Protein backbone atom coordinates (compact mmCIF):
# COMPACT_ATOMS: atom_id res chain seq x y z
CA MET A 1 0.00 0.00 0.00
CA PRO A 2 1.42 3.45 -0.90
CA HIS A 3 2.60 5.62 1.95
CA ALA A 4 0.50 8.56 3.11
CA ASP A 5 1.29 11.96 1.62
CA LEU A 6 0.37 13.77 4.82
CA VAL A 7 -0.02 12.74 8.45
CA LEU A 8 -1.49 14.75 11.33
CA ALA A 9 -0.73 13.22 14.71
CA GLY A 10 -0.29 13.94 18.39
CA GLY A 11 -3.53 15.73 19.04
CA LYS A 12 -7.27 15.57 19.28
CA ILE A 13 -9.20 15.19 16.02
CA ALA A 14 -12.95 15.75 16.14
CA THR A 15 -14.27 13.70 13.22
CA LEU A 16 -17.97 14.66 13.56
CA ASP A 17 -18.71 11.23 12.08
CA PRO A 18 -21.96 9.41 13.07
CA SER A 19 -20.23 8.11 16.22
CA SER A 20 -18.72 11.52 17.11
CA ARG A 21 -15.32 9.84 17.33
CA ILE A 22 -12.29 11.72 18.55
CA VAL A 23 -9.00 10.24 17.39
CA GLN A 24 -5.33 11.08 17.77
CA ALA A 25 -4.17 11.03 14.16
CA LEU A 26 -5.14 10.78 10.53
CA ALA A 27 -3.44 10.06 7.22
CA VAL A 28 -4.07 11.66 3.83
CA ARG A 29 -3.34 10.12 0.46
CA GLY A 30 -3.79 12.43 -2.50
CA SER A 31 -6.72 14.74 -1.78
CA ARG A 32 -8.63 12.41 0.53
CA ILE A 33 -8.47 10.93 3.99
CA ALA A 34 -6.91 7.46 3.95
CA ALA A 35 -7.07 6.45 7.62
CA LEU A 36 -7.86 7.63 11.14
CA GLY A 37 -6.70 6.13 14.43
CA THR A 38 -4.07 6.25 17.11
CA ASP A 39 -0.68 7.83 16.66
CA GLU A 40 0.87 4.35 16.47
CA GLU A 41 -1.58 3.11 13.83
CA ILE A 42 -1.15 6.14 11.60
CA ALA A 43 2.65 6.21 12.03
CA ARG A 44 2.83 2.89 10.15
CA LEU A 45 1.42 4.59 7.05
CA ALA A 46 4.15 7.26 6.90
CA GLY A 47 7.14 6.98 4.61
CA PRO A 48 10.27 9.01 3.91
CA ALA A 49 8.39 11.51 1.72
CA THR A 50 5.37 11.89 4.00
CA ARG A 51 4.79 15.35 5.37
CA ARG A 52 4.14 15.26 9.10
CA ILE A 53 2.22 17.84 11.11
CA ASP A 54 2.64 17.58 14.86
CA LEU A 55 -0.63 18.70 16.42
CA ARG A 56 1.07 19.17 19.79
CA GLY A 57 -2.17 18.38 21.57
CA ARG A 58 -4.24 20.83 19.53
CA LEU A 59 -7.76 20.22 18.25
CA ALA A 60 -8.23 19.50 14.55
CA VAL A 61 -11.70 19.76 13.03
CA PRO A 62 -13.31 19.44 9.60
CA GLY A 63 -12.67 22.57 7.58
CA LEU A 64 -15.46 25.02 8.34
CA TYR A 65 -18.19 25.68 5.78
CA ASP A 66 -19.70 29.18 5.80
CA GLY A 67 -23.33 28.92 4.70
CA HIS A 68 -23.73 32.58 3.63
CA ALA A 69 -20.29 34.08 3.37
CA HIS A 70 -20.01 37.12 1.06
CA MET A 71 -16.35 36.14 1.05
CA ASP A 72 -15.45 38.43 -1.85
CA ARG A 73 -16.04 41.55 0.29
CA GLU A 74 -13.31 40.90 2.84
CA GLY A 75 -10.35 41.37 0.50
CA LEU A 76 -12.02 44.35 -1.19
CA LYS A 77 -11.73 46.19 2.11
CA LEU A 78 -7.99 46.29 1.49
CA ARG A 79 -8.19 47.64 -2.05
CA TRP A 80 -8.73 51.25 -0.95
CA PRO A 81 -6.44 53.00 1.57
CA SER A 82 -7.64 52.68 5.16
CA LEU A 83 -8.50 55.49 7.57
CA ALA A 84 -8.45 53.12 10.55
CA GLY A 85 -6.95 54.65 13.65
CA ALA A 86 -7.80 58.24 12.69
CA ARG A 87 -9.04 60.03 15.81
CA SER A 88 -9.32 63.56 14.51
CA ILE A 89 -10.02 65.35 11.28
CA GLY A 90 -6.33 66.22 11.29
CA ASP A 91 -5.49 62.50 11.30
CA VAL A 92 -7.79 61.98 8.31
CA LEU A 93 -6.20 64.87 6.46
CA GLU A 94 -2.72 63.56 7.18
CA ILE A 95 -3.59 60.24 5.52
CA VAL A 96 -5.24 61.95 2.56
CA ASP A 97 -2.24 64.29 2.19
CA SER A 98 0.14 61.33 2.00
CA LEU A 99 -2.01 59.82 -0.75
CA VAL A 100 -2.12 63.10 -2.68
CA ARG A 101 1.68 63.34 -2.59
CA ARG A 102 1.97 59.97 -4.33
CA ALA A 103 -0.84 60.56 -6.85
CA ALA A 104 -0.63 61.86 -10.40
CA PRO A 105 -2.02 65.37 -11.00
CA GLY A 106 -5.82 65.33 -10.89
CA GLN A 107 -5.98 61.64 -9.97
CA TRP A 108 -8.91 60.52 -7.82
CA ILE A 109 -8.17 59.75 -4.17
CA VAL A 110 -10.64 57.18 -2.82
CA THR A 111 -10.41 55.74 0.69
CA MET A 112 -12.21 53.33 2.95
CA PRO A 113 -14.73 54.81 5.39
CA ILE A 114 -13.81 56.70 8.54
CA GLY A 115 -13.68 54.36 11.53
CA ASP A 116 -12.13 51.05 12.43
CA PRO A 117 -12.98 47.73 10.78
CA PRO A 118 -14.79 45.44 10.93
CA ARG A 119 -17.83 47.46 12.07
CA TYR A 120 -16.74 51.13 11.79
CA GLU A 121 -18.60 51.98 14.97
CA GLY A 122 -18.81 55.25 16.90
CA VAL A 123 -18.30 57.68 14.03
CA PRO A 124 -18.04 60.62 13.97
CA ASP A 125 -17.81 60.71 17.78
CA ILE A 126 -14.46 58.88 17.72
CA LEU A 127 -13.02 62.01 16.08
CA ALA A 128 -11.87 64.75 18.44
CA GLU A 129 -14.10 67.27 16.69
CA LYS A 130 -17.18 65.02 16.99
CA ARG A 131 -18.15 65.86 13.42
CA TRP A 132 -17.56 64.67 9.88
CA PRO A 133 -14.86 66.37 7.82
CA THR A 134 -16.28 68.56 5.07
CA ARG A 135 -15.20 69.34 1.55
CA HIS A 136 -13.43 72.45 2.89
CA ASP A 137 -11.36 70.31 5.29
CA LEU A 138 -10.35 67.93 2.50
CA ASP A 139 -9.64 70.83 0.13
CA ARG A 140 -6.86 72.00 2.46
CA VAL A 141 -4.71 68.98 1.52
CA ALA A 142 -6.27 68.16 -1.86
CA PRO A 143 -7.21 71.37 -3.69
CA ASP A 144 -6.52 69.83 -7.10
CA HIS A 145 -7.42 66.16 -6.57
CA PRO A 146 -10.95 64.79 -6.29
CA VAL A 147 -11.24 63.00 -2.93
CA TYR A 148 -14.00 60.60 -1.99
CA ILE A 149 -14.29 58.83 1.39
CA ARG A 150 -16.56 55.86 0.82
CA ALA A 151 -19.55 54.78 2.90
CA ILE A 152 -19.58 51.47 4.71
CA TRP A 153 -21.74 48.51 3.75
CA GLY A 154 -24.46 49.18 6.30
CA HIS A 155 -24.84 45.63 7.55
CA TRP A 156 -21.28 45.63 8.89
CA ARG A 157 -22.54 47.88 11.66
CA ASN A 158 -26.31 47.44 11.28
CA THR A 159 -26.99 51.03 12.36
CA LEU A 160 -27.77 54.07 10.26
CA PRO A 161 -26.99 56.44 8.69
CA LEU A 162 -24.22 55.72 6.20
CA VAL A 163 -21.98 58.67 5.42
CA SER A 164 -19.59 59.38 2.58
CA ILE A 165 -17.64 62.57 1.97
CA ALA A 166 -16.47 64.34 -1.18
CA ASN A 167 -14.21 67.35 -1.56
CA SER A 168 -14.86 70.23 -3.94
CA ARG A 169 -13.09 68.64 -6.92
CA ALA A 170 -15.02 65.41 -6.42
CA LEU A 171 -18.33 67.26 -6.17
CA GLU A 172 -17.41 69.12 -9.34
CA ARG A 173 -16.56 65.87 -11.20
CA ALA A 174 -19.82 64.34 -9.99
CA GLY A 175 -21.85 67.37 -11.00
CA ILE A 176 -23.17 68.01 -7.49
CA GLY A 177 -24.04 71.63 -6.73
CA ARG A 178 -26.47 73.72 -4.71
CA ASP A 179 -29.34 72.84 -7.07
CA THR A 180 -28.73 69.09 -7.09
CA CYS A 181 -31.66 67.11 -5.75
CA PRO A 182 -31.19 63.81 -3.92
CA PRO A 183 -32.10 60.91 -6.22
CA ALA A 184 -34.03 59.13 -3.45
CA PRO A 185 -35.76 60.12 -0.19
CA SER A 186 -33.20 58.11 1.80
CA ILE A 187 -30.36 60.41 0.66
CA ASP A 188 -29.54 63.79 2.18
CA ILE A 189 -27.06 66.15 0.53
CA GLN A 190 -25.90 68.14 3.54
CA LYS A 191 -25.72 71.88 2.85
CA ASP A 192 -24.27 74.87 4.67
CA ALA A 193 -26.02 78.10 5.66
CA ARG A 194 -25.55 79.48 2.12
CA GLY A 195 -27.18 76.40 0.57
CA ASP A 196 -23.95 74.95 -0.83
CA PRO A 197 -23.10 71.23 -0.39
CA THR A 198 -20.72 70.59 2.51
CA GLY A 199 -19.49 67.39 0.83
CA VAL A 200 -21.16 65.21 3.47
CA LEU A 201 -23.59 62.76 1.85
CA ILE A 202 -25.93 60.93 4.21
CA GLU A 203 -27.85 57.73 3.45
CA HIS A 204 -30.66 56.25 5.51
CA THR A 205 -30.37 52.83 3.90
CA TYR A 206 -28.18 49.83 4.64
CA LYS A 207 -27.08 49.18 1.07
CA PRO A 208 -25.12 52.17 -0.28
CA LEU A 209 -26.97 54.11 -2.94
CA VAL A 210 -24.85 57.25 -3.30
CA GLU A 211 -21.99 55.43 -5.06
CA HIS A 212 -24.44 54.24 -7.73
CA THR A 213 -26.07 57.64 -8.21
CA LEU A 214 -24.63 60.95 -7.02
CA MET A 215 -21.04 59.69 -6.90
CA ALA A 216 -21.18 57.29 -9.84
CA ALA A 217 -18.28 59.24 -11.36
CA ALA A 218 -15.88 58.06 -8.64
CA PRO A 219 -13.57 55.11 -9.36
CA ARG A 220 -15.10 51.67 -8.84
CA PHE A 221 -13.77 48.25 -8.06
CA THR A 222 -12.24 46.83 -11.23
CA VAL A 223 -12.13 43.18 -12.25
CA GLU A 224 -8.48 43.20 -11.20
CA ASP A 225 -9.48 44.57 -7.79
CA ARG A 226 -12.02 41.82 -7.40
CA VAL A 227 -9.61 39.05 -8.39
CA ALA A 228 -6.88 40.33 -6.05
CA GLY A 229 -9.43 40.98 -3.32
CA LEU A 230 -10.88 37.49 -3.63
CA ALA A 231 -7.45 35.91 -3.30
CA GLU A 232 -6.83 37.96 -0.16
CA SER A 233 -10.29 37.06 1.13
CA MET A 234 -9.46 33.38 0.86
CA ARG A 235 -6.32 33.83 2.95
CA LEU A 236 -8.32 35.66 5.60
CA TYR A 237 -11.11 33.07 5.65
CA ASN A 238 -8.52 30.30 5.92
CA ARG A 239 -7.13 32.00 9.01
CA CYS A 240 -10.62 31.63 10.48
CA GLY A 241 -10.56 27.89 9.70
CA THR A 242 -12.92 28.18 6.73
CA THR A 243 -12.26 25.91 3.75
CA SER A 244 -15.61 26.15 1.91
CA VAL A 245 -18.23 28.83 1.37
CA PHE A 246 -21.77 28.85 0.04
CA GLU A 247 -22.85 32.14 -1.49
CA GLY A 248 -26.57 32.03 -0.88
CA HIS A 249 -27.26 35.67 -1.71
CA GLY A 250 -26.13 34.94 -5.22
CA ILE A 251 -23.09 36.07 -7.15
CA SER A 252 -23.24 38.67 -9.90
CA ALA A 253 -21.55 38.18 -13.24
CA GLU A 254 -18.63 40.47 -12.32
CA VAL A 255 -17.85 38.52 -9.14
CA LEU A 256 -18.28 35.19 -10.94
CA ALA A 257 -15.66 36.41 -13.41
CA ALA A 258 -13.25 36.99 -10.51
CA TYR A 259 -13.88 33.48 -9.17
CA GLN A 260 -13.30 32.00 -12.61
CA ALA A 261 -10.08 33.96 -13.10
CA LEU A 262 -8.76 32.75 -9.77
CA ARG A 263 -9.74 29.15 -10.51
CA ALA A 264 -7.92 29.34 -13.85
CA ARG A 265 -4.70 30.12 -11.95
CA GLY A 266 -4.84 26.91 -9.94
CA ARG A 267 -6.55 25.35 -6.95
CA PRO A 268 -7.93 28.07 -4.66
CA SER A 269 -7.57 27.72 -0.88
CA VAL A 270 -11.31 28.03 -0.28
CA ARG A 271 -13.84 25.96 -2.18
CA ALA A 272 -16.93 27.85 -3.30
CA HIS A 273 -20.48 26.86 -4.23
CA LEU A 274 -22.27 29.88 -5.69
CA LEU A 275 -25.91 30.59 -6.33
CA PHE A 276 -26.21 32.91 -9.32
CA SER A 277 -27.69 36.40 -9.01
CA PRO A 278 -29.30 37.05 -12.40
CA ALA A 279 -29.65 40.60 -13.69
CA TRP A 280 -33.14 40.35 -15.15
CA PRO A 281 -33.41 42.82 -18.07
CA THR A 282 -37.18 43.03 -17.65
CA GLY A 283 -39.87 42.35 -15.07
CA ASP A 284 -42.32 40.99 -17.63
CA PRO A 285 -43.37 37.52 -16.40
CA ALA A 286 -43.41 35.91 -19.86
CA ALA A 287 -39.96 37.29 -20.66
CA VAL A 288 -38.53 36.22 -17.30
CA THR A 289 -39.75 32.63 -17.60
CA ALA A 290 -38.61 32.48 -21.23
CA LEU A 291 -35.14 33.67 -20.25
CA LEU A 292 -34.98 31.07 -17.49
CA ARG A 293 -35.88 28.32 -19.92
CA SER A 294 -33.36 29.52 -22.51
CA TRP A 295 -30.22 30.24 -20.50
CA GLY A 296 -31.11 28.99 -17.04
CA THR A 297 -30.60 25.31 -17.77
CA TRP A 298 -26.93 25.61 -16.85
CA LEU A 299 -28.08 26.38 -13.30
CA SER A 300 -30.12 23.17 -13.03
CA ALA A 301 -29.39 20.28 -10.66
CA ARG A 302 -25.92 20.92 -9.22
CA GLY A 303 -24.98 23.38 -11.94
CA LEU A 304 -21.53 23.63 -13.49
CA GLY A 305 -18.04 23.38 -12.04
CA ASP A 306 -15.83 21.14 -10.00
CA GLU A 307 -14.97 20.47 -6.36
CA TYR A 308 -13.25 23.88 -6.06
CA LEU A 309 -15.74 26.13 -7.85
CA ARG A 310 -19.35 25.31 -8.63
CA VAL A 311 -22.23 27.54 -9.77
CA GLY A 312 -25.76 26.22 -9.54
CA GLY A 313 -29.19 27.51 -8.58
CA LEU A 314 -30.20 31.12 -8.22
CA TYR A 315 -31.10 33.76 -5.66
CA THR A 316 -34.28 35.79 -5.91
CA GLU A 317 -36.19 38.38 -3.92
CA SER A 318 -39.29 40.52 -4.28
CA ASP A 319 -37.72 43.89 -3.47
CA ALA A 320 -38.29 45.46 -6.88
CA SER A 321 -38.01 48.92 -5.31
CA GLU A 322 -37.09 52.23 -6.86
CA GLU A 323 -33.91 52.28 -4.78
CA ASN A 324 -32.85 48.91 -6.17
CA ARG A 325 -33.60 50.18 -9.67
CA LEU A 326 -31.25 53.11 -9.01
CA ARG A 327 -28.56 50.80 -7.66
CA ALA A 328 -28.91 48.65 -10.75
CA SER A 329 -28.30 51.69 -12.95
CA THR A 330 -24.55 51.03 -12.71
CA SER A 331 -24.94 47.36 -13.71
CA PRO A 332 -22.89 45.23 -14.11
CA TYR A 333 -21.08 47.07 -11.31
CA THR A 334 -22.46 46.03 -7.91
CA GLY A 335 -20.16 47.81 -5.43
CA TRP A 336 -19.88 46.13 -2.05
CA ALA A 337 -22.93 43.99 -2.76
CA GLY A 338 -21.47 41.43 -5.15
CA PHE A 339 -25.00 40.45 -6.13
CA ALA A 340 -27.14 41.93 -8.88
CA TYR A 341 -29.66 44.51 -7.68
CA ASP A 342 -31.83 43.71 -10.69
CA ALA A 343 -32.23 40.14 -9.41
CA ALA A 344 -35.28 41.48 -7.58
CA LEU A 345 -38.69 40.94 -9.17
CA PRO A 346 -42.26 41.93 -8.38
CA GLU A 347 -43.80 39.24 -6.19
CA ASP A 348 -46.20 37.89 -8.81
CA VAL A 349 -43.38 37.60 -11.34
CA MET A 350 -41.11 36.03 -8.74
CA ILE A 351 -43.73 33.32 -8.12
CA GLU A 352 -43.97 32.47 -11.83
CA MET A 353 -40.18 32.45 -12.14
CA MET A 354 -39.79 30.09 -9.17
CA ILE A 355 -42.41 27.67 -10.52
CA GLU A 356 -40.53 27.60 -13.81
CA ALA A 357 -37.28 27.06 -11.89
CA ALA A 358 -38.81 24.09 -10.06
CA ARG A 359 -40.00 22.59 -13.35
CA ASN A 360 -36.43 22.83 -14.67
CA ASP A 361 -34.78 21.53 -11.46
CA ILE A 362 -33.18 24.90 -10.75
CA ARG A 363 -32.67 25.42 -7.04
CA VAL A 364 -33.73 28.71 -5.42
CA GLY A 365 -32.61 30.59 -2.33
CA SER A 366 -34.11 33.75 -0.85
CA PHE A 367 -34.66 35.75 2.32
CA THR A 368 -37.66 37.75 1.17
CA PRO A 369 -39.67 38.20 4.42
CA ASN A 370 -42.67 36.12 3.30
CA ILE A 371 -40.62 33.54 1.44
CA LEU A 372 -42.12 30.59 3.33
CA ASP A 373 -45.58 31.56 2.04
CA LEU A 374 -44.20 31.92 -1.49
CA TYR A 375 -42.42 28.57 -1.39
CA GLU A 376 -45.68 26.90 -0.34
CA ARG A 377 -47.35 28.42 -3.40
CA VAL A 378 -44.58 26.99 -5.57
CA ASP A 379 -44.98 23.59 -3.90
CA ARG A 380 -48.67 23.51 -4.76
CA ALA A 381 -47.71 23.87 -8.43
CA VAL A 382 -44.53 21.74 -8.50
CA SER A 383 -43.46 19.51 -5.60
CA MET A 384 -40.39 20.79 -3.77
CA ALA A 385 -39.62 17.42 -2.17
CA GLY A 386 -35.90 16.67 -2.12
CA ARG A 387 -34.89 19.93 -3.77
CA ARG A 388 -33.37 21.57 -0.66
CA TRP A 389 -34.53 25.06 -1.52
CA ILE A 390 -33.12 27.58 0.89
CA ILE A 391 -34.32 30.22 3.32
CA GLU A 392 -31.38 32.50 3.97
CA HIS A 393 -30.83 34.60 7.09
CA ILE A 394 -33.34 32.90 9.38
CA GLY A 395 -34.66 35.16 12.12
CA ILE A 396 -37.74 34.52 14.26
CA TYR A 397 -39.70 31.26 13.98
CA GLY A 398 -42.28 29.54 16.15
CA PRO A 399 -43.42 25.90 16.13
CA GLU A 400 -45.89 26.38 13.27
CA GLU A 401 -43.29 27.94 10.95
CA ILE A 402 -40.84 25.18 11.84
CA ARG A 403 -43.46 22.54 10.99
CA ARG A 404 -44.03 24.17 7.58
CA ILE A 405 -40.29 24.43 6.91
CA ARG A 406 -39.86 20.75 7.73
CA ALA A 407 -42.78 19.78 5.48
CA LEU A 408 -41.18 21.51 2.48
CA GLY A 409 -37.74 19.99 3.12
CA LEU A 410 -36.12 23.41 3.19
CA VAL A 411 -32.53 24.04 4.24
CA LEU A 412 -31.76 27.16 6.29
CA THR A 413 -28.80 29.43 6.87
CA SER A 414 -28.48 31.44 10.06
CA TYR A 415 -28.10 35.16 10.69
CA THR A 416 -27.03 35.02 14.33
CA GLY A 417 -24.79 38.05 13.90
CA ARG A 418 -27.92 40.17 13.57
CA TYR A 419 -30.67 38.33 15.43
CA ILE A 420 -28.63 37.21 18.45
CA TRP A 421 -25.56 39.45 18.65
CA GLN A 422 -26.61 42.83 17.25
CA GLU A 423 -30.36 42.96 17.88
CA GLY A 424 -30.96 40.08 20.30
CA ALA A 425 -31.41 42.17 23.44
CA ALA A 426 -33.94 44.51 21.81
CA LEU A 427 -35.82 41.62 20.22
CA ALA A 428 -35.96 39.76 23.55
CA ARG A 429 -37.44 42.83 25.26
CA GLN A 430 -39.98 43.12 22.48
CA LEU A 431 -40.98 39.44 22.45
CA GLY A 432 -40.75 38.72 26.18
CA PRO A 433 -39.12 35.70 27.90
CA ALA A 434 -41.23 33.10 26.08
CA GLY A 435 -40.89 34.80 22.71
CA ALA A 436 -37.09 35.03 23.02
CA SER A 437 -36.91 31.30 22.32
CA ARG A 438 -38.24 32.02 18.82
CA ILE A 439 -35.18 34.16 17.98
CA ALA A 440 -32.88 32.03 15.79
CA PRO A 441 -34.37 28.86 17.37
CA LEU A 442 -31.46 26.59 16.50
CA ARG A 443 -32.29 23.91 19.08
CA ALA A 444 -35.95 23.67 18.03
CA LEU A 445 -35.01 23.48 14.36
CA ARG A 446 -32.41 20.81 15.02
CA GLU A 447 -34.83 18.71 17.07
CA ALA A 448 -37.42 19.03 14.28
CA GLY A 449 -34.91 17.56 11.84
CA VAL A 450 -34.39 20.80 9.90
CA HIS A 451 -30.89 21.33 8.54
CA VAL A 452 -29.41 24.72 9.49
CA ALA A 453 -25.95 25.86 8.37
CA LEU A 454 -24.22 28.55 10.38
CA ALA A 455 -23.15 31.59 8.41
CA THR A 456 -21.19 34.79 8.95
CA ASP A 457 -22.61 37.12 6.27
CA ASN A 458 -19.11 38.64 6.46
CA VAL A 459 -20.02 40.56 9.63
CA PRO A 460 -17.22 39.70 10.38
CA PRO A 461 -15.85 36.61 8.56
CA SER A 462 -15.05 34.23 11.44
CA LEU A 463 -17.45 31.33 11.97
CA PHE A 464 -16.14 31.09 15.52
CA GLU A 465 -18.09 34.25 16.28
CA THR A 466 -21.18 32.54 14.90
CA ILE A 467 -20.43 29.37 16.88
CA HIS A 468 -20.19 31.55 19.98
CA HIS A 469 -23.62 33.05 19.20
CA ALA A 470 -25.11 29.55 18.91
CA VAL A 471 -23.48 28.28 22.11
CA ALA A 472 -23.80 31.33 24.39
CA ARG A 473 -26.79 33.19 22.86
CA THR A 474 -25.57 36.33 24.62
CA PRO A 475 -26.25 39.59 22.78
CA ARG A 476 -23.68 42.37 22.60
CA GLY A 477 -23.54 44.22 25.91
CA ALA A 478 -25.86 41.77 27.69
CA ALA A 479 -25.00 39.70 30.75
CA GLU A 480 -27.63 37.00 30.25
CA PRO A 481 -28.49 34.78 27.27
CA ILE A 482 -31.71 35.15 25.30
CA GLY A 483 -33.79 32.01 24.87
CA PRO A 484 -31.21 29.83 26.64
CA ASP A 485 -33.25 26.71 25.82
CA GLN A 486 -32.18 27.23 22.19
CA ARG A 487 -28.46 26.90 22.91
CA LEU A 488 -26.43 24.35 20.96
CA THR A 489 -23.62 22.34 22.47
CA ARG A 490 -20.16 23.14 21.18
CA GLU A 491 -20.04 19.98 19.08
CA GLU A 492 -23.49 20.69 17.65
CA ALA A 493 -22.46 24.23 16.76
CA LEU A 494 -19.25 22.95 15.17
CA ALA A 495 -21.31 20.50 13.11
CA ALA A 496 -23.62 23.33 12.04
CA ALA A 497 -20.52 25.21 10.89
CA SER A 498 -19.15 22.29 8.88
CA ARG A 499 -21.34 19.23 8.32
CA GLU A 500 -24.52 21.28 7.79
CA GLY A 501 -22.78 23.54 5.28
CA ALA A 502 -21.86 20.47 3.26
CA TYR A 503 -25.49 19.30 3.38
CA LEU A 504 -26.63 22.74 2.23
CA ALA A 505 -24.51 22.33 -0.92
CA PHE A 506 -25.38 18.64 -1.59
CA GLU A 507 -21.76 17.85 -0.67
CA GLU A 508 -22.23 15.75 2.46
CA ASP A 509 -20.64 12.71 0.79
CA ASP A 510 -17.39 14.62 0.33
CA LYS A 511 -17.13 17.20 3.12
CA GLY A 512 -18.23 18.22 6.57
CA THR A 513 -16.79 15.28 8.54
CA LEU A 514 -13.38 13.64 8.75
CA GLU A 515 -13.95 10.11 7.47
CA VAL A 516 -12.04 7.73 5.21
CA GLY A 517 -12.67 8.61 1.57
CA LYS A 518 -13.77 12.17 2.19
CA LEU A 519 -11.85 15.22 1.05
CA ALA A 520 -8.99 16.15 3.36
CA ASP A 521 -10.24 19.63 4.34
CA ILE A 522 -8.97 20.18 7.87
CA ALA A 523 -8.43 23.07 10.28
CA VAL A 524 -6.00 22.85 13.23
CA LEU A 525 -7.14 25.37 15.85
CA ASP A 526 -5.01 27.58 18.08
CA ARG A 527 -7.34 26.85 21.02
CA ASP A 528 -9.58 23.93 21.88
CA LEU A 529 -13.14 24.84 20.91
CA LEU A 530 -14.49 21.99 23.05
CA THR A 531 -12.90 23.22 26.29
CA GLU A 532 -12.04 26.91 25.80
CA PRO A 533 -13.86 29.31 28.17
CA GLU A 534 -17.12 30.31 26.51
CA ASP A 535 -16.30 34.00 26.29
CA ARG A 536 -13.11 33.19 24.31
CA ILE A 537 -14.67 31.03 21.60
CA ALA A 538 -15.17 33.94 19.19
CA GLY A 539 -11.43 34.62 19.12
CA ILE A 540 -10.36 31.15 18.02
CA ARG A 541 -8.31 31.01 14.82
CA ALA A 542 -6.63 28.32 12.74
CA ASP A 543 -2.90 27.61 12.94
CA VAL A 544 -2.89 25.12 10.06
CA VAL A 545 -5.40 24.60 7.27
CA VAL A 546 -5.42 21.74 4.77
CA VAL A 547 -7.57 21.77 1.63
CA GLY A 548 -7.65 18.65 -0.52
CA GLY A 549 -4.56 17.31 1.21
CA GLU A 550 -2.59 20.50 0.49
CA VAL A 551 -1.43 22.72 3.34
CA VAL A 552 -2.74 26.16 2.41
CA LEU A 553 -2.06 27.87 5.76
CA ASP A 554 0.76 27.13 8.17
CA ALA A 555 1.06 29.69 10.96
CA ASP A 556 3.19 27.40 13.16
């Protein structure tokens, strides 16, 4: 028998197999697991060329599978210069001045938002002046360069408003003056006492709109930015122990192009299964269903691709709002979103499209608020049995909703970052002690036999934060858990962050557990998830990550 290519030994390996075995060592041959057992048993499979990783007592787990990742955003955050650490307008100007000195005459200067990642909280109060810089402030260091300080993606912080800032040259390039009207009610062009724009642009919406309208003239993410950003994203997700992602919100054509470019270069360090986010050119129901029949067949069943990159199924929603129409005006550019804003359809058209999708074995995912009702309407026309259609971003469910979800065979992805961590305390006050158990009811769903994959939504990217939400159920700033009867054990939460992700993607035969014959996707953790103090779970990271038998991260 050939020797193993890779051996991990001397530790604690949580297999998550049907017996929940914990073993000391495992061997990898090629891209798959060849054996598991004691250190002595696995040592016999090693040869002179075998690579050995000494676990030194650490916990190794199946590579984590993020059920709703938005992975492409993380690396994009590094494509524009950062203003992190700025604590005064002077600090902001110093950074902008340094960028101006390196820029060509008249070149745009575009930066990340004011504040510190990942959530950019406390602005503008973190600045000594307790106010936003204005165009006049920025003009002091950039009189001849257009400067634009971008807005955040609102869900990073989940509080409003969003604010971006332009200097005089940028306002001039964008054509914004005293007579410019906001393109939507959610946008406020701040003006001074004379009625002139101050350069501060305020948005009362979570998904930036200004960059697609008023400031559409500013530089955008290029394909090269997206490819480089995606490669950096994968390194950052690996550091969090993530080896696979499912993009349930759907991927636009421009982001798909970045994934394809990266795949053409070799084997990426994070496997990706993508739903497609179609940019519907019309909302006419006959045209939509005809388009789905004509080009949508490539999305049917498991779609197209391989074990590193697969595209199949589609995302849809019924938010065919005027704001989304404005965002879609820059199509195919999608900004931070990464999904097509013109994927939204009027509800009646969405229903017809989904029925046609079911007839053609095209899987659908959505988090439209009444999506369970809509899926039941689809099921009455075409049975959804065995299709594993998806409700993304689950929030508040009671026993009756859980019964209906189970009856349809739906698969869910969590949004614990919002419903437990960010808003859990307020929701618990609103719903009362009994109602709090309906907030992200992971235990009730599990006991009902519903498959739920944990997900980060990139707020921020570590699934260990999400695991902590599921285990502790303690909202930000709270001392007590909400709905403590809905807690998962640590092993259950780990399974929801790995095995359930594989089930979500129809990949449970290849991933999600460490068993002989399965892909060797493994994360060696810097702390033991199973024994670490509860309040330290969120900070766990990976020291070593293996994808398909290849070591893609080695921080030892």
